[in-house]
Amino acid sequence: MQNDELSDDSLMVAVKEGDLDQMGLLFKRHHGHVYGYLCSLTGKTHAAEDLTQDVFLRALKYRNSFKSQNNFTSWLFRIARNTYFDWARKEGRSVTVLDDPDSNIEEPTVSREDIGFGRGNDLDLLRQALDNLPEAKKEVIILSRFQGLKCEEIAYALDCKLGTVKARIFRALEALRKEFENLTEGVSQ
């Protein structure tokens, strides 16, 4: 089996066992997603580029913390989140983490119509609505909808329970919908 066909988890196990060259393939596969996540959080492309490099350096440095039963993507996004928090503190930004209690809310789904698509509304307004959300709500939307992580992967990345993630996503999507509606009302007036 060629390296291109190996799973991310298998490649990370190889890195952990000393085959450091495999980190290059993992970087190739995931740097775009990590960059997008960090760019959305920082709002700065240059900072996101630097932080993306830091994430992969940390992944290499802390490779022994990877457990083969963990999902590589969620492990990597946990590192990305911690890297962002360290950067934000150095920049003097306040970093808020929602501490929602566990909830039995089902995994939320939202259609394009739920947040105004299909009604001729502008994609820029959606982006602005997302940017207006508190950081913690913005983060779960980015991870779930833009990065495509499953709730279980987000729970690992955010170091919280599955029910908490479901509740956070539900509340964040509701907040996004309301913010989008406020913005569209402002445009139409």
C-alpha atoms as a PDB file:
ATOM      1  CA  MET A   1       0.000   0.000   0.000  1.00  0.00           C
ATOM      2  CA  GLN A   2       1.365   3.392  -0.974  1.00  0.00           C
ATOM      3  CA  ASN A   3       1.541   6.180   1.571  1.00  0.00           C
ATOM      4  CA  ASP A   4      -1.125   8.140  -0.326  1.00  0.00           C
ATOM      5  CA  GLU A   5      -3.569   5.316   0.416  1.00  0.00           C
ATOM      6  CA  LEU A   6      -2.844   5.101   4.150  1.00  0.00           C
ATOM      7  CA  SER A   7      -5.332   6.608   6.571  1.00  0.00           C
ATOM      8  CA  ASP A   8      -4.411   9.699   8.545  1.00  0.00           C
ATOM      9  CA  ASP A   9      -4.405   7.643  11.721  1.00  0.00           C
ATOM     10  CA  SER A  10      -1.974   5.120  10.205  1.00  0.00           C
ATOM     11  CA  LEU A  11       0.310   7.888   9.025  1.00  0.00           C
ATOM     12  CA  MET A  12       0.293   9.506  12.464  1.00  0.00           C
ATOM     13  CA  VAL A  13       1.130   6.183  14.098  1.00  0.00           C
ATOM     14  CA  ALA A  14       4.084   5.924  11.684  1.00  0.00           C
ATOM     15  CA  VAL A  15       5.170   9.455  12.676  1.00  0.00           C
ATOM     16  CA  LYS A  16       4.841   8.525  16.322  1.00  0.00           C
ATOM     17  CA  GLU A  17       7.030   5.474  15.702  1.00  0.00           C
ATOM     18  CA  GLY A  18       9.764   7.623  14.168  1.00  0.00           C
ATOM     19  CA  ASP A  19       8.892   7.926  10.467  1.00  0.00           C
ATOM     20  CA  LEU A  20       8.825  11.727  10.570  1.00  0.00           C
ATOM     21  CA  ASP A  21       8.618  12.037   6.775  1.00  0.00           C
ATOM     22  CA  GLN A  22       4.956  11.014   6.971  1.00  0.00           C
ATOM     23  CA  MET A  23       4.159  14.341   8.637  1.00  0.00           C
ATOM     24  CA  GLY A  24       4.666  15.963   5.231  1.00  0.00           C
ATOM     25  CA  LEU A  25       1.792  13.968   3.773  1.00  0.00           C
ATOM     26  CA  LEU A  26      -0.403  14.791   6.763  1.00  0.00           C
ATOM     27  CA  PHE A  27       0.473  18.462   6.280  1.00  0.00           C
ATOM     28  CA  LYS A  28      -0.407  18.231   2.601  1.00  0.00           C
ATOM     29  CA  ARG A  29      -3.773  16.673   3.430  1.00  0.00           C
ATOM     30  CA  HIS A  30      -4.797  18.951   6.279  1.00  0.00           C
ATOM     31  CA  HIS A  31      -3.036  22.314   6.142  1.00  0.00           C
ATOM     32  CA  GLY A  32      -5.842  23.911   4.128  1.00  0.00           C
ATOM     33  CA  HIS A  33      -8.497  22.936   6.666  1.00  0.00           C
ATOM     34  CA  VAL A  34      -6.388  24.069   9.605  1.00  0.00           C
ATOM     35  CA  TYR A  35      -5.568  27.332   7.842  1.00  0.00           C
ATOM     36  CA  GLY A  36      -9.247  27.972   7.093  1.00  0.00           C
ATOM     37  CA  TYR A  37     -10.193  27.330  10.702  1.00  0.00           C
ATOM     38  CA  LEU A  38      -7.472  29.615  12.038  1.00  0.00           C
ATOM     39  CA  CYS A  39      -8.152  32.308   9.465  1.00  0.00           C
ATOM     40  CA  SER A  40     -11.810  32.340  10.483  1.00  0.00           C
ATOM     41  CA  LEU A  41     -10.877  32.677  14.145  1.00  0.00           C
ATOM     42  CA  THR A  42      -8.101  35.252  13.785  1.00  0.00           C
ATOM     43  CA  GLY A  43      -9.472  37.233  10.878  1.00  0.00           C
ATOM     44  CA  LYS A  44      -5.870  37.645   9.733  1.00  0.00           C
ATOM     45  CA  THR A  45      -4.410  35.630   6.880  1.00  0.00           C
ATOM     46  CA  HIS A  46      -0.781  36.221   7.872  1.00  0.00           C
ATOM     47  CA  ALA A  47      -1.427  35.147  11.465  1.00  0.00           C
ATOM     48  CA  ALA A  48      -3.339  32.088  10.253  1.00  0.00           C
ATOM     49  CA  GLU A  49      -0.413  31.086   8.020  1.00  0.00           C
ATOM     50  CA  ASP A  50       2.026  31.315  10.926  1.00  0.00           C
ATOM     51  CA  LEU A  51      -0.328  29.511  13.288  1.00  0.00           C
ATOM     52  CA  THR A  52      -0.888  26.719  10.770  1.00  0.00           C
ATOM     53  CA  GLN A  53       2.856  26.108  10.693  1.00  0.00           C
ATOM     54  CA  ASP A  54       2.892  26.137  14.506  1.00  0.00           C
ATOM     55  CA  VAL A  55       0.084  23.575  14.631  1.00  0.00           C
ATOM     56  CA  PHE A  56       2.041  21.083  12.556  1.00  0.00           C
ATOM     57  CA  LEU A  57       5.236  21.757  14.501  1.00  0.00           C
ATOM     58  CA  ARG A  58       3.318  21.076  17.711  1.00  0.00           C
ATOM     59  CA  ALA A  59       1.783  17.945  16.207  1.00  0.00           C
ATOM     60  CA  LEU A  60       5.307  16.722  15.521  1.00  0.00           C
ATOM     61  CA  LYS A  61       6.559  17.782  18.943  1.00  0.00           C
ATOM     62  CA  TYR A  62       3.632  16.173  20.784  1.00  0.00           C
ATOM     63  CA  ARG A  63       3.298  13.160  18.493  1.00  0.00           C
ATOM     64  CA  ASN A  64       3.539  10.805  21.450  1.00  0.00           C
ATOM     65  CA  SER A  65       0.257  12.175  22.798  1.00  0.00           C
ATOM     66  CA  PHE A  66      -1.586  10.783  19.767  1.00  0.00           C
ATOM     67  CA  LYS A  67      -3.484   7.649  20.665  1.00  0.00           C
ATOM     68  CA  SER A  68      -4.348   5.319  17.817  1.00  0.00           C
ATOM     69  CA  GLN A  69      -7.949   5.076  19.076  1.00  0.00           C
ATOM     70  CA  ASN A  70      -8.267   8.858  18.622  1.00  0.00           C
ATOM     71  CA  ASN A  71      -9.230  10.374  15.329  1.00  0.00           C
ATOM     72  CA  PHE A  72      -6.280  12.241  13.797  1.00  0.00           C
ATOM     73  CA  THR A  73      -8.426  15.133  12.573  1.00  0.00           C
ATOM     74  CA  SER A  74      -9.978  15.831  15.972  1.00  0.00           C
ATOM     75  CA  TRP A  75      -6.553  15.490  17.641  1.00  0.00           C
ATOM     76  CA  LEU A  76      -5.096  17.962  15.132  1.00  0.00           C
ATOM     77  CA  PHE A  77      -7.924  20.453  15.637  1.00  0.00           C
ATOM     78  CA  ARG A  78      -7.430  20.240  19.391  1.00  0.00           C
ATOM     79  CA  ILE A  79      -3.824  21.277  18.807  1.00  0.00           C
ATOM     80  CA  ALA A  80      -5.002  24.030  16.432  1.00  0.00           C
ATOM     81  CA  ARG A  81      -7.451  25.327  19.024  1.00  0.00           C
ATOM     82  CA  ASN A  82      -4.790  25.391  21.753  1.00  0.00           C
ATOM     83  CA  THR A  83      -2.375  27.105  19.375  1.00  0.00           C
ATOM     84  CA  TYR A  84      -5.003  29.740  18.619  1.00  0.00           C
ATOM     85  CA  PHE A  85      -5.709  30.287  22.344  1.00  0.00           C
ATOM     86  CA  ASP A  86      -1.998  30.793  23.028  1.00  0.00           C
ATOM     87  CA  TRP A  87      -1.774  33.299  20.167  1.00  0.00           C
ATOM     88  CA  ALA A  88      -4.926  35.135  21.271  1.00  0.00           C
ATOM     89  CA  ARG A  89      -3.614  35.533  24.810  1.00  0.00           C
ATOM     90  CA  LYS A  90      -0.316  36.929  23.493  1.00  0.00           C
ATOM     91  CA  GLU A  91      -2.290  39.352  21.306  1.00  0.00           C
ATOM     92  CA  GLY A  92      -4.291  40.497  24.323  1.00  0.00           C
ATOM     93  CA  ARG A  93      -7.541  39.106  22.967  1.00  0.00           C
ATOM     94  CA  SER A  94     -10.041  37.723  25.401  1.00  0.00           C
ATOM     95  CA  VAL A  95     -10.804  34.101  24.717  1.00  0.00           C
ATOM     96  CA  THR A  96     -14.172  32.837  25.841  1.00  0.00           C
ATOM     97  CA  VAL A  97     -15.184  29.234  26.034  1.00  0.00           C
ATOM     98  CA  LEU A  98     -18.810  28.330  26.450  1.00  0.00           C
ATOM     99  CA  ASP A  99     -19.466  26.018  29.348  1.00  0.00           C
ATOM    100  CA  ASP A 100     -22.871  24.719  28.357  1.00  0.00           C
ATOM    101  CA  PRO A 101     -24.217  21.922  30.489  1.00  0.00           C
ATOM    102  CA  ASP A 102     -24.705  18.588  28.796  1.00  0.00           C
ATOM    103  CA  SER A 103     -27.928  18.376  26.926  1.00  0.00           C
ATOM    104  CA  ASN A 104     -29.884  15.722  25.109  1.00  0.00           C
ATOM    105  CA  ILE A 105     -30.429  17.964  22.123  1.00  0.00           C
ATOM    106  CA  GLU A 106     -30.247  15.978  18.909  1.00  0.00           C
ATOM    107  CA  GLU A 107     -27.539  16.877  16.456  1.00  0.00           C
ATOM    108  CA  PRO A 108     -28.787  20.003  14.745  1.00  0.00           C
ATOM    109  CA  THR A 109     -29.301  20.331  11.068  1.00  0.00           C
ATOM    110  CA  VAL A 110     -29.782  23.552   9.233  1.00  0.00           C
ATOM    111  CA  SER A 111     -30.623  24.059   5.629  1.00  0.00           C
ATOM    112  CA  ARG A 112     -29.575  26.907   3.419  1.00  0.00           C
ATOM    113  CA  GLU A 113     -33.161  28.197   3.622  1.00  0.00           C
ATOM    114  CA  ASP A 114     -32.994  28.237   7.439  1.00  0.00           C
ATOM    115  CA  ILE A 115     -30.374  30.971   7.341  1.00  0.00           C
ATOM    116  CA  GLY A 116     -31.725  32.900   4.418  1.00  0.00           C
ATOM    117  CA  PHE A 117     -30.277  31.280   1.326  1.00  0.00           C
ATOM    118  CA  GLY A 118     -32.740  30.667  -1.412  1.00  0.00           C
ATOM    119  CA  ARG A 119     -34.319  34.073  -0.781  1.00  0.00           C
ATOM    120  CA  GLY A 120     -31.782  36.016  -2.808  1.00  0.00           C
ATOM    121  CA  ASN A 121     -29.754  37.099   0.214  1.00  0.00           C
ATOM    122  CA  ASP A 122     -26.095  37.942   0.019  1.00  0.00           C
ATOM    123  CA  LEU A 123     -23.387  35.489   1.064  1.00  0.00           C
ATOM    124  CA  ASP A 124     -21.416  38.442   2.436  1.00  0.00           C
ATOM    125  CA  LEU A 125     -24.183  39.039   4.978  1.00  0.00           C
ATOM    126  CA  LEU A 126     -23.865  35.455   6.173  1.00  0.00           C
ATOM    127  CA  ARG A 127     -20.127  35.893   6.590  1.00  0.00           C
ATOM    128  CA  GLN A 128     -20.714  39.138   8.478  1.00  0.00           C
ATOM    129  CA  ALA A 129     -23.300  37.424  10.686  1.00  0.00           C
ATOM    130  CA  LEU A 130     -20.783  34.685  11.470  1.00  0.00           C
ATOM    131  CA  ASP A 131     -18.106  37.258  12.271  1.00  0.00           C
ATOM    132  CA  ASN A 132     -20.517  39.026  14.637  1.00  0.00           C
ATOM    133  CA  LEU A 133     -21.044  35.905  16.755  1.00  0.00           C
ATOM    134  CA  PRO A 134     -19.167  35.372  20.003  1.00  0.00           C
ATOM    135  CA  GLU A 135     -15.959  33.458  19.419  1.00  0.00           C
ATOM    136  CA  ALA A 136     -17.112  30.189  21.004  1.00  0.00           C
ATOM    137  CA  LYS A 137     -20.270  30.035  18.879  1.00  0.00           C
ATOM    138  CA  LYS A 138     -18.346  30.937  15.757  1.00  0.00           C
ATOM    139  CA  GLU A 139     -15.840  28.171  16.486  1.00  0.00           C
ATOM    140  CA  VAL A 140     -18.393  25.330  16.653  1.00  0.00           C
ATOM    141  CA  ILE A 141     -20.017  26.484  13.417  1.00  0.00           C
ATOM    142  CA  ILE A 142     -16.646  26.594  11.677  1.00  0.00           C
ATOM    143  CA  LEU A 143     -15.734  23.121  12.920  1.00  0.00           C
ATOM    144  CA  SER A 144     -19.093  21.524  12.156  1.00  0.00           C
ATOM    145  CA  ARG A 145     -20.182  23.242   8.977  1.00  0.00           C
ATOM    146  CA  PHE A 146     -17.046  24.527   7.279  1.00  0.00           C
ATOM    147  CA  GLN A 147     -14.532  21.893   8.388  1.00  0.00           C
ATOM    148  CA  GLY A 148     -17.087  19.071   8.324  1.00  0.00           C
ATOM    149  CA  LEU A 149     -16.128  17.532  11.648  1.00  0.00           C
ATOM    150  CA  LYS A 150     -18.617  15.178  13.277  1.00  0.00           C
ATOM    151  CA  CYS A 151     -19.938  15.983  16.730  1.00  0.00           C
ATOM    152  CA  GLU A 152     -17.736  13.253  18.249  1.00  0.00           C
ATOM    153  CA  GLU A 153     -14.644  14.772  16.632  1.00  0.00           C
ATOM    154  CA  ILE A 154     -15.580  18.253  17.819  1.00  0.00           C
ATOM    155  CA  ALA A 155     -16.118  16.934  21.344  1.00  0.00           C
ATOM    156  CA  TYR A 156     -12.587  15.562  21.349  1.00  0.00           C
ATOM    157  CA  ALA A 157     -11.125  18.727  19.805  1.00  0.00           C
ATOM    158  CA  LEU A 158     -12.901  20.957  22.333  1.00  0.00           C
ATOM    159  CA  ASP A 159     -12.341  18.542  25.218  1.00  0.00           C
ATOM    160  CA  CYS A 160     -15.989  18.362  26.214  1.00  0.00           C
ATOM    161  CA  LYS A 161     -18.865  15.900  26.173  1.00  0.00           C
ATOM    162  CA  LEU A 162     -20.855  14.991  23.086  1.00  0.00           C
ATOM    163  CA  GLY A 163     -24.090  16.412  24.495  1.00  0.00           C
ATOM    164  CA  THR A 164     -22.354  19.702  25.177  1.00  0.00           C
ATOM    165  CA  VAL A 165     -21.179  19.910  21.562  1.00  0.00           C
ATOM    166  CA  LYS A 166     -24.675  19.210  20.242  1.00  0.00           C
ATOM    167  CA  ALA A 167     -26.109  21.912  22.471  1.00  0.00           C
ATOM    168  CA  ARG A 168     -23.403  24.383  21.446  1.00  0.00           C
ATOM    169  CA  ILE A 169     -23.982  23.756  17.751  1.00  0.00           C
ATOM    170  CA  PHE A 170     -27.728  24.103  18.163  1.00  0.00           C
ATOM    171  CA  ARG A 171     -27.374  27.392  20.051  1.00  0.00           C
ATOM    172  CA  ALA A 172     -24.705  28.712  17.689  1.00  0.00           C
ATOM    173  CA  LEU A 173     -26.810  28.001  14.601  1.00  0.00           C
ATOM    174  CA  GLU A 174     -29.785  29.667  16.235  1.00  0.00           C
ATOM    175  CA  ALA A 175     -27.653  32.719  17.057  1.00  0.00           C
ATOM    176  CA  LEU A 176     -26.330  32.765  13.476  1.00  0.00           C
ATOM    177  CA  ARG A 177     -29.864  32.623  12.087  1.00  0.00           C
ATOM    178  CA  LYS A 178     -30.959  35.535  14.300  1.00  0.00           C
ATOM    179  CA  GLU A 179     -27.880  37.604  13.464  1.00  0.00           C
ATOM    180  CA  PHE A 180     -28.395  36.952   9.758  1.00  0.00           C
ATOM    181  CA  GLU A 181     -32.043  38.001  10.015  1.00  0.00           C
ATOM    182  CA  ASN A 182     -31.024  41.210  11.803  1.00  0.00           C
ATOM    183  CA  LEU A 183     -28.523  42.001   9.071  1.00  0.00           C
ATOM    184  CA  THR A 184     -30.964  41.275   6.235  1.00  0.00           C
ATOM    185  CA  GLU A 185     -33.601  43.470   7.874  1.00  0.00           C
ATOM    186  CA  GLY A 186     -31.040  46.279   8.074  1.00  0.00           C
ATOM    187  CA  VAL A 187     -30.208  45.913   4.377  1.00  0.00           C
ATOM    188  CA  SER A 188     -33.820  45.855   3.232  1.00  0.00           C
ATOM    189  CA  GLN A 189     -34.738  49.038   5.138  1.00  0.00           C
END
